[in-house]
Amino acid sequence: MGGSDSEVEKSAQKEKEQKKLLALAPIAKPLAAKKLNKRIFKLVRRAAEKKCLKRGVKEVVKSIRRGQKGVCVIAGNISPIDVITHVPILCEEADIPYIYVSSKEDLANAGATKRPTCCILVQTKPAKGELSQEDQEKLKADYDQVVTEVRPDNWRNNAVQGQHVFATVASAISRFEPVTVCASAAQWENARSLLPKR
């Protein structure tokens, strides 16, 4: 009977994960895989213990605009999605790597807060005071491990993935109304080849 209990637990866990994936916003890319998710939450927990993170859209945006660096972790199940759509753009402009995780509740739990959290900026130094050498090294090791797995340049390979998505959206809209797409001289032929002839 013990075997069937664990199967029921596994089934319930699998169902819970499926629900999280269904709640994801379409812009939640790049989304952390299971292994990276664990590393991210470990980093967020350690950073929360050492007061090395900013929580919530307002604090994260303010920190990025002030030139503070780190890795931005964004919850992918935010509704309405408009709340966080500007955060990845700010991160890219500031050369800050970012990654989506599937649940705002899990992100809040890792960040040691009870309220669901839209996004967190993990830094390697606390806002006030200093860390011991040992704590600094542990935090930096976890941070480096996550940052190397998070794509630092989300528009790599000349943004081929992004180009295809934009072309698909423009094509869909063009069936109902005129669409104008601008492209640089260097990208004109590429844009022309991705878009419909109309």
N, C-alpha and C. Protein backbone atom coordinates (compact mmCIF):
# COMPACT_ATOMS: atom_id res chain seq x y z
N MET A 1 0.79 -1.19 0.00
CA MET A 1 0.00 0.00 0.00
C MET A 1 0.85 1.27 0.00
N GLY A 2 2.04 1.20 0.59
CA GLY A 2 2.93 2.35 0.63
C GLY A 2 3.31 2.82 -0.76
N GLY A 3 3.44 1.86 -1.70
CA GLY A 3 3.79 2.22 -3.07
C GLY A 3 2.70 3.05 -3.73
N SER A 4 1.45 2.71 -3.48
CA SER A 4 0.35 3.45 -4.11
C SER A 4 0.24 4.86 -3.53
N ASP A 5 0.57 5.03 -2.25
CA ASP A 5 0.55 6.36 -1.65
C ASP A 5 1.56 7.27 -2.34
N SER A 6 2.76 6.75 -2.59
CA SER A 6 3.78 7.57 -3.25
C SER A 6 3.38 7.87 -4.69
N GLU A 7 2.68 6.93 -5.33
CA GLU A 7 2.20 7.17 -6.68
C GLU A 7 1.15 8.27 -6.69
N VAL A 8 0.27 8.25 -5.70
CA VAL A 8 -0.75 9.29 -5.58
C VAL A 8 -0.08 10.65 -5.36
N GLU A 9 0.94 10.67 -4.50
CA GLU A 9 1.68 11.91 -4.23
C GLU A 9 2.36 12.41 -5.50
N LYS A 10 2.99 11.49 -6.24
CA LYS A 10 3.65 11.87 -7.49
C LYS A 10 2.64 12.40 -8.49
N SER A 11 1.50 11.75 -8.57
CA SER A 11 0.44 12.18 -9.49
C SER A 11 -0.06 13.57 -9.11
N ALA A 12 -0.26 13.81 -7.82
CA ALA A 12 -0.72 15.12 -7.35
C ALA A 12 0.33 16.19 -7.64
N GLN A 13 1.59 15.84 -7.44
CA GLN A 13 2.68 16.78 -7.71
C GLN A 13 2.73 17.12 -9.20
N LYS A 14 2.57 16.10 -10.03
CA LYS A 14 2.59 16.29 -11.48
C LYS A 14 1.43 17.19 -11.92
N GLU A 15 0.27 16.97 -11.33
CA GLU A 15 -0.91 17.78 -11.65
C GLU A 15 -0.69 19.23 -11.23
N LYS A 16 -0.06 19.43 -10.07
CA LYS A 16 0.25 20.77 -9.58
C LYS A 16 1.20 21.50 -10.55
N GLU A 17 2.21 20.77 -11.03
CA GLU A 17 3.16 21.35 -11.99
C GLU A 17 2.47 21.72 -13.29
N GLN A 18 1.54 20.86 -13.75
CA GLN A 18 0.79 21.14 -14.98
C GLN A 18 -0.03 22.42 -14.83
N LYS A 19 -0.67 22.59 -13.67
CA LYS A 19 -1.47 23.79 -13.43
C LYS A 19 -0.60 25.04 -13.46
N LYS A 20 0.62 24.93 -12.91
CA LYS A 20 1.54 26.07 -12.94
C LYS A 20 1.89 26.43 -14.37
N LEU A 21 2.15 25.42 -15.20
CA LEU A 21 2.52 25.68 -16.59
C LEU A 21 1.36 26.28 -17.37
N LEU A 22 0.14 25.86 -17.07
CA LEU A 22 -1.02 26.41 -17.76
C LEU A 22 -1.25 27.87 -17.40
N ALA A 23 -0.83 28.27 -16.21
CA ALA A 23 -1.03 29.65 -15.75
C ALA A 23 0.04 30.61 -16.27
N LEU A 24 1.04 30.09 -16.97
CA LEU A 24 2.12 30.94 -17.46
C LEU A 24 1.66 31.92 -18.52
N ALA A 25 2.22 33.11 -18.48
CA ALA A 25 1.96 34.11 -19.51
C ALA A 25 2.74 33.76 -20.77
N PRO A 26 2.25 34.14 -21.93
CA PRO A 26 2.95 33.81 -23.18
C PRO A 26 4.33 34.46 -23.30
N ILE A 27 4.58 35.53 -22.57
CA ILE A 27 5.89 36.19 -22.67
C ILE A 27 6.92 35.61 -21.69
N ALA A 28 6.55 34.60 -20.93
CA ALA A 28 7.44 34.05 -19.90
C ALA A 28 8.57 33.22 -20.54
N LYS A 29 9.45 33.93 -21.23
CA LYS A 29 10.59 33.29 -21.88
C LYS A 29 11.79 34.18 -21.70
N PRO A 30 12.92 33.68 -21.33
CA PRO A 30 13.27 32.28 -21.11
C PRO A 30 12.75 31.78 -19.76
N LEU A 31 12.16 30.60 -19.78
CA LEU A 31 11.63 29.98 -18.57
C LEU A 31 12.64 28.98 -18.04
N ALA A 32 12.91 29.06 -16.75
CA ALA A 32 13.89 28.17 -16.12
C ALA A 32 13.40 26.72 -16.15
N ALA A 33 14.30 25.82 -16.50
CA ALA A 33 13.99 24.39 -16.44
C ALA A 33 14.02 23.96 -14.97
N LYS A 34 13.61 22.73 -14.72
CA LYS A 34 13.47 22.24 -13.34
C LYS A 34 14.77 22.38 -12.53
N LYS A 35 15.88 21.96 -13.11
CA LYS A 35 17.16 22.00 -12.40
C LYS A 35 17.59 23.44 -12.12
N LEU A 36 17.45 24.30 -13.11
CA LEU A 36 17.81 25.71 -12.94
C LEU A 36 16.87 26.37 -11.93
N ASN A 37 15.58 25.98 -11.95
CA ASN A 37 14.61 26.49 -10.98
C ASN A 37 15.10 26.28 -9.55
N LYS A 38 15.58 25.07 -9.26
CA LYS A 38 16.08 24.75 -7.91
C LYS A 38 17.26 25.63 -7.55
N ARG A 39 18.17 25.82 -8.51
CA ARG A 39 19.35 26.67 -8.25
C ARG A 39 18.94 28.12 -8.02
N ILE A 40 17.98 28.59 -8.80
CA ILE A 40 17.51 29.97 -8.65
C ILE A 40 16.90 30.17 -7.26
N PHE A 41 16.04 29.24 -6.85
CA PHE A 41 15.40 29.39 -5.54
C PHE A 41 16.41 29.27 -4.41
N LYS A 42 17.44 28.45 -4.58
CA LYS A 42 18.50 28.36 -3.59
C LYS A 42 19.23 29.70 -3.49
N LEU A 43 19.53 30.30 -4.64
CA LEU A 43 20.19 31.61 -4.66
C LEU A 43 19.30 32.67 -4.01
N VAL A 44 18.02 32.68 -4.35
CA VAL A 44 17.09 33.67 -3.78
C VAL A 44 17.00 33.51 -2.27
N ARG A 45 16.93 32.26 -1.79
CA ARG A 45 16.88 32.03 -0.33
C ARG A 45 18.13 32.57 0.36
N ARG A 46 19.29 32.26 -0.23
CA ARG A 46 20.55 32.73 0.37
C ARG A 46 20.62 34.26 0.35
N ALA A 47 20.21 34.85 -0.77
CA ALA A 47 20.24 36.31 -0.89
C ALA A 47 19.26 36.96 0.09
N ALA A 48 18.12 36.33 0.31
CA ALA A 48 17.14 36.86 1.27
C ALA A 48 17.71 36.84 2.69
N GLU A 49 18.40 35.75 3.03
CA GLU A 49 19.02 35.65 4.36
C GLU A 49 20.03 36.75 4.58
N LYS A 50 20.75 37.11 3.52
CA LYS A 50 21.84 38.09 3.63
C LYS A 50 21.42 39.50 3.23
N LYS A 51 20.11 39.70 2.99
CA LYS A 51 19.57 41.02 2.62
C LYS A 51 20.20 41.55 1.33
N CYS A 52 20.33 40.65 0.35
CA CYS A 52 20.95 41.02 -0.92
C CYS A 52 19.96 40.93 -2.08
N LEU A 53 18.70 41.28 -1.82
CA LEU A 53 17.75 41.26 -2.93
C LEU A 53 16.74 42.38 -2.81
N LYS A 54 16.18 42.72 -3.97
CA LYS A 54 15.10 43.71 -4.06
C LYS A 54 13.85 42.95 -4.50
N ARG A 55 12.73 43.19 -3.81
CA ARG A 55 11.47 42.49 -4.11
C ARG A 55 10.45 43.43 -4.72
N GLY A 56 9.69 42.92 -5.66
CA GLY A 56 8.58 43.67 -6.23
C GLY A 56 9.00 44.55 -7.39
N VAL A 57 8.04 44.84 -8.25
CA VAL A 57 8.30 45.60 -9.47
C VAL A 57 8.88 46.97 -9.15
N LYS A 58 8.29 47.67 -8.21
CA LYS A 58 8.72 49.03 -7.89
C LYS A 58 10.18 49.08 -7.45
N GLU A 59 10.55 48.22 -6.51
CA GLU A 59 11.93 48.19 -6.01
C GLU A 59 12.91 47.74 -7.08
N VAL A 60 12.53 46.72 -7.85
CA VAL A 60 13.42 46.20 -8.90
C VAL A 60 13.66 47.26 -9.96
N VAL A 61 12.60 47.91 -10.43
CA VAL A 61 12.74 48.94 -11.46
C VAL A 61 13.59 50.10 -10.95
N LYS A 62 13.36 50.53 -9.72
CA LYS A 62 14.13 51.62 -9.13
C LYS A 62 15.62 51.25 -9.07
N SER A 63 15.91 50.02 -8.66
CA SER A 63 17.30 49.57 -8.56
C SER A 63 17.97 49.51 -9.93
N ILE A 64 17.26 49.01 -10.92
CA ILE A 64 17.83 48.92 -12.27
C ILE A 64 18.10 50.31 -12.81
N ARG A 65 17.17 51.22 -12.62
CA ARG A 65 17.35 52.60 -13.11
C ARG A 65 18.49 53.31 -12.41
N ARG A 66 18.79 52.90 -11.19
CA ARG A 66 19.91 53.50 -10.45
C ARG A 66 21.24 52.85 -10.81
N GLY A 67 21.21 51.89 -11.71
CA GLY A 67 22.45 51.26 -12.18
C GLY A 67 22.93 50.09 -11.36
N GLN A 68 22.10 49.60 -10.45
CA GLN A 68 22.50 48.44 -9.65
C GLN A 68 22.42 47.19 -10.52
N LYS A 69 23.34 46.27 -10.30
CA LYS A 69 23.43 45.05 -11.11
C LYS A 69 22.97 43.85 -10.30
N GLY A 70 22.70 42.77 -11.00
CA GLY A 70 22.27 41.53 -10.38
C GLY A 70 21.67 40.63 -11.42
N VAL A 71 20.90 39.66 -10.98
CA VAL A 71 20.13 38.81 -11.88
C VAL A 71 18.66 38.97 -11.48
N CYS A 72 17.81 39.18 -12.49
CA CYS A 72 16.40 39.43 -12.24
C CYS A 72 15.62 38.14 -12.44
N VAL A 73 14.84 37.77 -11.44
CA VAL A 73 14.00 36.58 -11.49
C VAL A 73 12.56 37.07 -11.54
N ILE A 74 11.83 36.66 -12.59
CA ILE A 74 10.48 37.16 -12.82
C ILE A 74 9.50 35.99 -12.77
N ALA A 75 8.40 36.18 -12.09
CA ALA A 75 7.36 35.15 -12.04
C ALA A 75 6.59 35.16 -13.35
N GLY A 76 6.35 33.99 -13.91
CA GLY A 76 5.68 33.89 -15.20
C GLY A 76 4.17 33.79 -15.11
N ASN A 77 3.62 33.69 -13.91
CA ASN A 77 2.17 33.53 -13.78
C ASN A 77 1.50 34.79 -13.22
N ILE A 78 2.00 35.94 -13.61
CA ILE A 78 1.45 37.21 -13.15
C ILE A 78 0.25 37.59 -14.01
N SER A 79 -0.79 38.05 -13.37
CA SER A 79 -1.97 38.49 -14.10
C SER A 79 -2.49 39.76 -13.45
N PRO A 80 -2.66 40.84 -14.16
CA PRO A 80 -2.42 41.02 -15.58
C PRO A 80 -0.92 41.12 -15.88
N ILE A 81 -0.55 40.63 -17.02
CA ILE A 81 0.87 40.56 -17.40
C ILE A 81 1.47 41.95 -17.60
N ASP A 82 0.63 42.96 -17.83
CA ASP A 82 1.11 44.33 -18.04
C ASP A 82 1.96 44.83 -16.88
N VAL A 83 1.76 44.24 -15.71
CA VAL A 83 2.48 44.66 -14.50
C VAL A 83 3.99 44.50 -14.68
N ILE A 84 4.40 43.47 -15.43
CA ILE A 84 5.84 43.18 -15.53
C ILE A 84 6.41 43.24 -16.95
N THR A 85 5.62 43.61 -17.94
CA THR A 85 6.11 43.56 -19.33
C THR A 85 7.31 44.48 -19.58
N HIS A 86 7.44 45.54 -18.82
CA HIS A 86 8.56 46.47 -19.02
C HIS A 86 9.85 46.00 -18.35
N VAL A 87 9.76 45.08 -17.41
CA VAL A 87 10.94 44.66 -16.65
C VAL A 87 12.01 43.99 -17.53
N PRO A 88 11.65 43.03 -18.40
CA PRO A 88 12.69 42.44 -19.27
C PRO A 88 13.38 43.47 -20.17
N ILE A 89 12.62 44.46 -20.63
CA ILE A 89 13.20 45.49 -21.49
C ILE A 89 14.23 46.30 -20.71
N LEU A 90 13.87 46.69 -19.50
CA LEU A 90 14.82 47.42 -18.65
C LEU A 90 16.07 46.58 -18.39
N CYS A 91 15.86 45.28 -18.14
CA CYS A 91 17.00 44.39 -17.88
C CYS A 91 17.93 44.32 -19.09
N GLU A 92 17.34 44.19 -20.28
CA GLU A 92 18.17 44.12 -21.48
C GLU A 92 18.93 45.41 -21.71
N GLU A 93 18.27 46.54 -21.49
CA GLU A 93 18.94 47.83 -21.67
C GLU A 93 20.09 48.00 -20.68
N ALA A 94 19.96 47.44 -19.50
CA ALA A 94 20.97 47.58 -18.45
C ALA A 94 21.95 46.39 -18.42
N ASP A 95 21.85 45.48 -19.40
CA ASP A 95 22.71 44.28 -19.44
C ASP A 95 22.59 43.45 -18.18
N ILE A 96 21.37 43.29 -17.70
CA ILE A 96 21.11 42.46 -16.53
C ILE A 96 20.45 41.17 -17.00
N PRO A 97 21.04 40.02 -16.69
CA PRO A 97 20.39 38.77 -17.09
C PRO A 97 19.08 38.58 -16.34
N TYR A 98 18.08 38.00 -17.04
CA TYR A 98 16.80 37.73 -16.38
C TYR A 98 16.29 36.36 -16.79
N ILE A 99 15.44 35.82 -15.95
CA ILE A 99 14.87 34.49 -16.19
C ILE A 99 13.49 34.46 -15.55
N TYR A 100 12.59 33.72 -16.17
CA TYR A 100 11.25 33.53 -15.61
C TYR A 100 11.20 32.22 -14.84
N VAL A 101 10.44 32.22 -13.76
CA VAL A 101 10.11 31.00 -13.03
C VAL A 101 8.60 30.84 -13.11
N SER A 102 8.12 29.64 -12.87
CA SER A 102 6.71 29.37 -13.14
C SER A 102 5.73 29.92 -12.11
N SER A 103 6.18 30.24 -10.90
CA SER A 103 5.22 30.58 -9.86
C SER A 103 5.65 31.76 -9.00
N LYS A 104 4.75 32.73 -8.87
CA LYS A 104 5.00 33.88 -7.99
C LYS A 104 4.98 33.45 -6.52
N GLU A 105 4.20 32.41 -6.22
CA GLU A 105 4.14 31.91 -4.84
C GLU A 105 5.46 31.25 -4.44
N ASP A 106 6.03 30.45 -5.36
CA ASP A 106 7.33 29.81 -5.09
C ASP A 106 8.43 30.86 -4.96
N LEU A 107 8.36 31.89 -5.80
CA LEU A 107 9.36 32.96 -5.75
C LEU A 107 9.28 33.70 -4.42
N ALA A 108 8.07 33.97 -3.96
CA ALA A 108 7.88 34.65 -2.67
C ALA A 108 8.38 33.78 -1.53
N ASN A 109 8.09 32.49 -1.59
CA ASN A 109 8.52 31.55 -0.56
C ASN A 109 10.05 31.54 -0.47
N ALA A 110 10.71 31.47 -1.61
CA ALA A 110 12.18 31.48 -1.61
C ALA A 110 12.72 32.82 -1.12
N GLY A 111 12.01 33.90 -1.41
CA GLY A 111 12.44 35.23 -1.00
C GLY A 111 12.05 35.61 0.41
N ALA A 112 11.54 34.64 1.17
CA ALA A 112 11.19 34.82 2.59
C ALA A 112 10.12 35.89 2.80
N THR A 113 9.10 35.86 1.96
CA THR A 113 7.96 36.75 2.15
C THR A 113 6.68 35.95 1.93
N LYS A 114 5.62 36.33 2.62
CA LYS A 114 4.38 35.58 2.53
C LYS A 114 3.53 35.98 1.33
N ARG A 115 3.69 37.21 0.86
CA ARG A 115 2.90 37.69 -0.27
C ARG A 115 3.55 37.27 -1.59
N PRO A 116 2.76 36.86 -2.58
CA PRO A 116 3.31 36.50 -3.90
C PRO A 116 4.13 37.66 -4.46
N THR A 117 5.23 37.32 -5.12
CA THR A 117 6.17 38.33 -5.61
C THR A 117 6.31 38.24 -7.12
N CYS A 118 6.15 39.38 -7.79
CA CYS A 118 6.26 39.43 -9.26
C CYS A 118 7.68 39.23 -9.74
N CYS A 119 8.61 39.92 -9.10
CA CYS A 119 10.01 39.81 -9.54
C CYS A 119 10.95 40.16 -8.38
N ILE A 120 12.16 39.67 -8.55
CA ILE A 120 13.20 39.86 -7.55
C ILE A 120 14.51 40.15 -8.27
N LEU A 121 15.26 41.10 -7.77
CA LEU A 121 16.60 41.37 -8.28
C LEU A 121 17.59 40.88 -7.23
N VAL A 122 18.36 39.84 -7.59
CA VAL A 122 19.34 39.26 -6.67
C VAL A 122 20.67 39.96 -6.90
N GLN A 123 21.23 40.48 -5.82
CA GLN A 123 22.52 41.17 -5.89
C GLN A 123 23.55 40.41 -5.07
N THR A 124 24.81 40.72 -5.31
CA THR A 124 25.87 40.01 -4.58
C THR A 124 26.33 40.75 -3.33
N LYS A 125 25.82 41.96 -3.14
CA LYS A 125 26.18 42.73 -1.95
C LYS A 125 24.92 43.29 -1.31
N PRO A 126 24.88 43.34 0.02
CA PRO A 126 23.70 43.91 0.68
C PRO A 126 23.64 45.42 0.50
N ALA A 127 22.44 45.97 0.60
CA ALA A 127 22.26 47.42 0.47
C ALA A 127 22.98 48.15 1.60
N LYS A 128 22.97 47.55 2.80
CA LYS A 128 23.63 48.16 3.95
C LYS A 128 24.55 47.14 4.59
N GLY A 129 25.70 47.60 5.02
CA GLY A 129 26.63 46.72 5.71
C GLY A 129 27.45 45.85 4.76
N GLU A 130 28.16 44.92 5.35
CA GLU A 130 29.02 44.02 4.60
C GLU A 130 28.76 42.59 5.01
N LEU A 131 29.08 41.66 4.12
CA LEU A 131 28.97 40.24 4.43
C LEU A 131 30.32 39.72 4.88
N SER A 132 30.30 38.64 5.67
CA SER A 132 31.56 38.00 6.01
C SER A 132 32.15 37.40 4.74
N GLN A 133 33.44 37.16 4.75
CA GLN A 133 34.12 36.61 3.58
C GLN A 133 33.48 35.29 3.14
N GLU A 134 33.17 34.43 4.11
CA GLU A 134 32.58 33.12 3.81
C GLU A 134 31.19 33.27 3.18
N ASP A 135 30.35 34.13 3.77
CA ASP A 135 29.02 34.36 3.22
C ASP A 135 29.09 34.97 1.82
N GLN A 136 30.02 35.90 1.63
CA GLN A 136 30.21 36.55 0.33
C GLN A 136 30.59 35.51 -0.73
N GLU A 137 31.50 34.60 -0.38
CA GLU A 137 31.95 33.58 -1.31
C GLU A 137 30.83 32.60 -1.67
N LYS A 138 30.04 32.19 -0.68
CA LYS A 138 28.92 31.27 -0.94
C LYS A 138 27.88 31.92 -1.84
N LEU A 139 27.52 33.17 -1.52
CA LEU A 139 26.54 33.88 -2.32
C LEU A 139 27.04 34.09 -3.74
N LYS A 140 28.30 34.47 -3.86
CA LYS A 140 28.89 34.71 -5.19
C LYS A 140 28.95 33.42 -6.00
N ALA A 141 29.25 32.30 -5.37
CA ALA A 141 29.30 31.00 -6.07
C ALA A 141 27.92 30.62 -6.59
N ASP A 142 26.90 30.76 -5.74
CA ASP A 142 25.52 30.47 -6.18
C ASP A 142 25.10 31.42 -7.29
N TYR A 143 25.44 32.68 -7.13
CA TYR A 143 25.09 33.70 -8.12
C TYR A 143 25.73 33.38 -9.47
N ASP A 144 27.03 33.09 -9.46
CA ASP A 144 27.75 32.79 -10.70
C ASP A 144 27.19 31.55 -11.39
N GLN A 145 26.81 30.56 -10.60
CA GLN A 145 26.26 29.33 -11.15
C GLN A 145 24.94 29.61 -11.89
N VAL A 146 24.10 30.44 -11.31
CA VAL A 146 22.82 30.78 -11.95
C VAL A 146 23.05 31.66 -13.18
N VAL A 147 23.89 32.68 -13.05
CA VAL A 147 24.10 33.62 -14.14
C VAL A 147 24.70 32.94 -15.37
N THR A 148 25.57 31.95 -15.17
CA THR A 148 26.14 31.27 -16.33
C THR A 148 25.10 30.43 -17.07
N GLU A 149 24.06 29.99 -16.37
CA GLU A 149 23.01 29.21 -17.02
C GLU A 149 21.91 30.08 -17.61
N VAL A 150 21.73 31.27 -17.05
CA VAL A 150 20.74 32.20 -17.59
C VAL A 150 21.38 32.87 -18.80
N ARG A 151 20.62 32.98 -19.85
CA ARG A 151 21.17 33.61 -21.05
C ARG A 151 21.45 35.07 -20.75
N PRO A 152 22.72 35.50 -20.79
CA PRO A 152 23.01 36.89 -20.52
C PRO A 152 22.54 37.78 -21.67
N ASP A 153 22.44 37.22 -22.87
CA ASP A 153 22.01 37.98 -24.03
C ASP A 153 20.79 37.29 -24.61
N ASN A 154 19.61 37.75 -24.28
CA ASN A 154 18.39 37.11 -24.74
C ASN A 154 18.13 37.32 -26.22
N TRP A 155 18.88 38.19 -26.85
CA TRP A 155 18.73 38.41 -28.29
C TRP A 155 19.93 37.85 -29.04
N ARG A 156 20.50 36.77 -28.53
CA ARG A 156 21.67 36.19 -29.18
C ARG A 156 21.29 35.63 -30.56
N ASN A 157 22.29 35.29 -31.33
CA ASN A 157 22.10 34.77 -32.70
C ASN A 157 21.27 35.74 -33.54
N ASN A 158 21.57 37.02 -33.41
CA ASN A 158 20.86 38.07 -34.14
C ASN A 158 19.35 38.04 -33.89
N ALA A 159 18.94 37.60 -32.73
CA ALA A 159 17.53 37.59 -32.32
C ALA A 159 16.65 36.79 -33.27
N VAL A 160 17.17 35.70 -33.82
CA VAL A 160 16.42 34.91 -34.79
C VAL A 160 15.09 34.45 -34.22
N GLN A 161 15.08 33.95 -32.98
CA GLN A 161 13.82 33.51 -32.38
C GLN A 161 12.84 34.67 -32.25
N GLY A 162 13.32 35.79 -31.79
CA GLY A 162 12.46 36.96 -31.64
C GLY A 162 11.95 37.46 -32.98
N GLN A 163 12.79 37.41 -34.01
CA GLN A 163 12.38 37.85 -35.34
C GLN A 163 11.22 37.01 -35.84
N HIS A 164 11.30 35.70 -35.65
CA HIS A 164 10.23 34.82 -36.11
C HIS A 164 8.93 35.09 -35.36
N VAL A 165 9.02 35.34 -34.06
CA VAL A 165 7.82 35.63 -33.28
C VAL A 165 7.20 36.94 -33.77
N PHE A 166 8.01 37.99 -33.93
CA PHE A 166 7.48 39.27 -34.39
C PHE A 166 6.87 39.14 -35.78
N ALA A 167 7.53 38.38 -36.67
CA ALA A 167 7.00 38.18 -38.03
C ALA A 167 5.66 37.45 -37.99
N THR A 168 5.54 36.46 -37.12
CA THR A 168 4.28 35.72 -36.99
C THR A 168 3.16 36.64 -36.50
N VAL A 169 3.45 37.46 -35.50
CA VAL A 169 2.45 38.39 -34.97
C VAL A 169 2.06 39.42 -36.05
N ALA A 170 3.05 39.98 -36.73
CA ALA A 170 2.76 40.97 -37.79
C ALA A 170 1.93 40.34 -38.90
N SER A 171 2.22 39.10 -39.28
CA SER A 171 1.46 38.40 -40.32
C SER A 171 0.01 38.19 -39.88
N ALA A 172 -0.18 37.80 -38.63
CA ALA A 172 -1.54 37.58 -38.12
C ALA A 172 -2.34 38.88 -38.13
N ILE A 173 -1.73 39.97 -37.71
CA ILE A 173 -2.42 41.26 -37.68
C ILE A 173 -2.71 41.73 -39.10
N SER A 174 -1.78 41.48 -40.02
CA SER A 174 -1.93 41.99 -41.39
C SER A 174 -3.12 41.37 -42.12
N ARG A 175 -3.67 40.28 -41.62
CA ARG A 175 -4.85 39.70 -42.24
C ARG A 175 -6.08 40.59 -42.02
N PHE A 176 -6.02 41.45 -41.01
CA PHE A 176 -7.17 42.28 -40.66
C PHE A 176 -6.96 43.77 -40.89
N GLU A 177 -5.71 44.22 -40.87
CA GLU A 177 -5.45 45.63 -41.08
C GLU A 177 -4.01 45.81 -41.57
N PRO A 178 -3.71 46.96 -42.18
CA PRO A 178 -2.35 47.19 -42.69
C PRO A 178 -1.33 47.25 -41.55
N VAL A 179 -0.16 46.70 -41.80
CA VAL A 179 0.92 46.69 -40.82
C VAL A 179 2.18 47.23 -41.48
N THR A 180 2.86 48.11 -40.79
CA THR A 180 4.14 48.62 -41.28
C THR A 180 5.22 48.10 -40.36
N VAL A 181 6.23 47.48 -40.94
CA VAL A 181 7.35 46.95 -40.16
C VAL A 181 8.60 47.70 -40.59
N CYS A 182 9.32 48.22 -39.62
CA CYS A 182 10.57 48.93 -39.89
C CYS A 182 11.74 48.00 -39.64
N ALA A 183 12.75 48.10 -40.50
CA ALA A 183 13.97 47.30 -40.32
C ALA A 183 15.14 48.12 -40.81
N SER A 184 16.30 47.88 -40.21
CA SER A 184 17.51 48.58 -40.64
C SER A 184 17.90 48.09 -42.03
N ALA A 185 18.74 48.86 -42.70
CA ALA A 185 19.20 48.47 -44.04
C ALA A 185 19.88 47.11 -44.00
N ALA A 186 20.60 46.83 -42.91
CA ALA A 186 21.31 45.56 -42.79
C ALA A 186 20.34 44.38 -42.63
N GLN A 187 19.16 44.63 -42.07
CA GLN A 187 18.20 43.56 -41.82
C GLN A 187 17.02 43.55 -42.79
N TRP A 188 17.02 44.46 -43.79
CA TRP A 188 15.87 44.60 -44.67
C TRP A 188 15.54 43.30 -45.40
N GLU A 189 16.53 42.69 -46.04
CA GLU A 189 16.28 41.44 -46.79
C GLU A 189 15.78 40.34 -45.86
N ASN A 190 16.35 40.24 -44.70
CA ASN A 190 15.92 39.24 -43.72
C ASN A 190 14.47 39.46 -43.32
N ALA A 191 14.11 40.71 -43.02
CA ALA A 191 12.74 41.03 -42.63
C ALA A 191 11.78 40.73 -43.78
N ARG A 192 12.18 41.09 -45.00
CA ARG A 192 11.33 40.84 -46.17
C ARG A 192 11.07 39.35 -46.35
N SER A 193 12.10 38.52 -46.08
CA SER A 193 11.94 37.07 -46.27
C SER A 193 11.04 36.45 -45.19
N LEU A 194 10.98 37.05 -44.01
CA LEU A 194 10.16 36.50 -42.92
C LEU A 194 8.70 36.91 -43.02
N LEU A 195 8.43 38.03 -43.71
CA LEU A 195 7.07 38.57 -43.75
C LEU A 195 6.34 38.15 -45.02
N PRO A 196 5.00 38.12 -44.97
CA PRO A 196 4.23 37.76 -46.18
C PRO A 196 4.38 38.82 -47.25
N LYS A 197 4.10 38.46 -48.49
CA LYS A 197 4.28 39.37 -49.63
C LYS A 197 3.29 40.53 -49.64
N ARG A 198 2.16 40.41 -48.99
CA ARG A 198 1.14 41.47 -49.03
C ARG A 198 1.57 42.74 -48.36
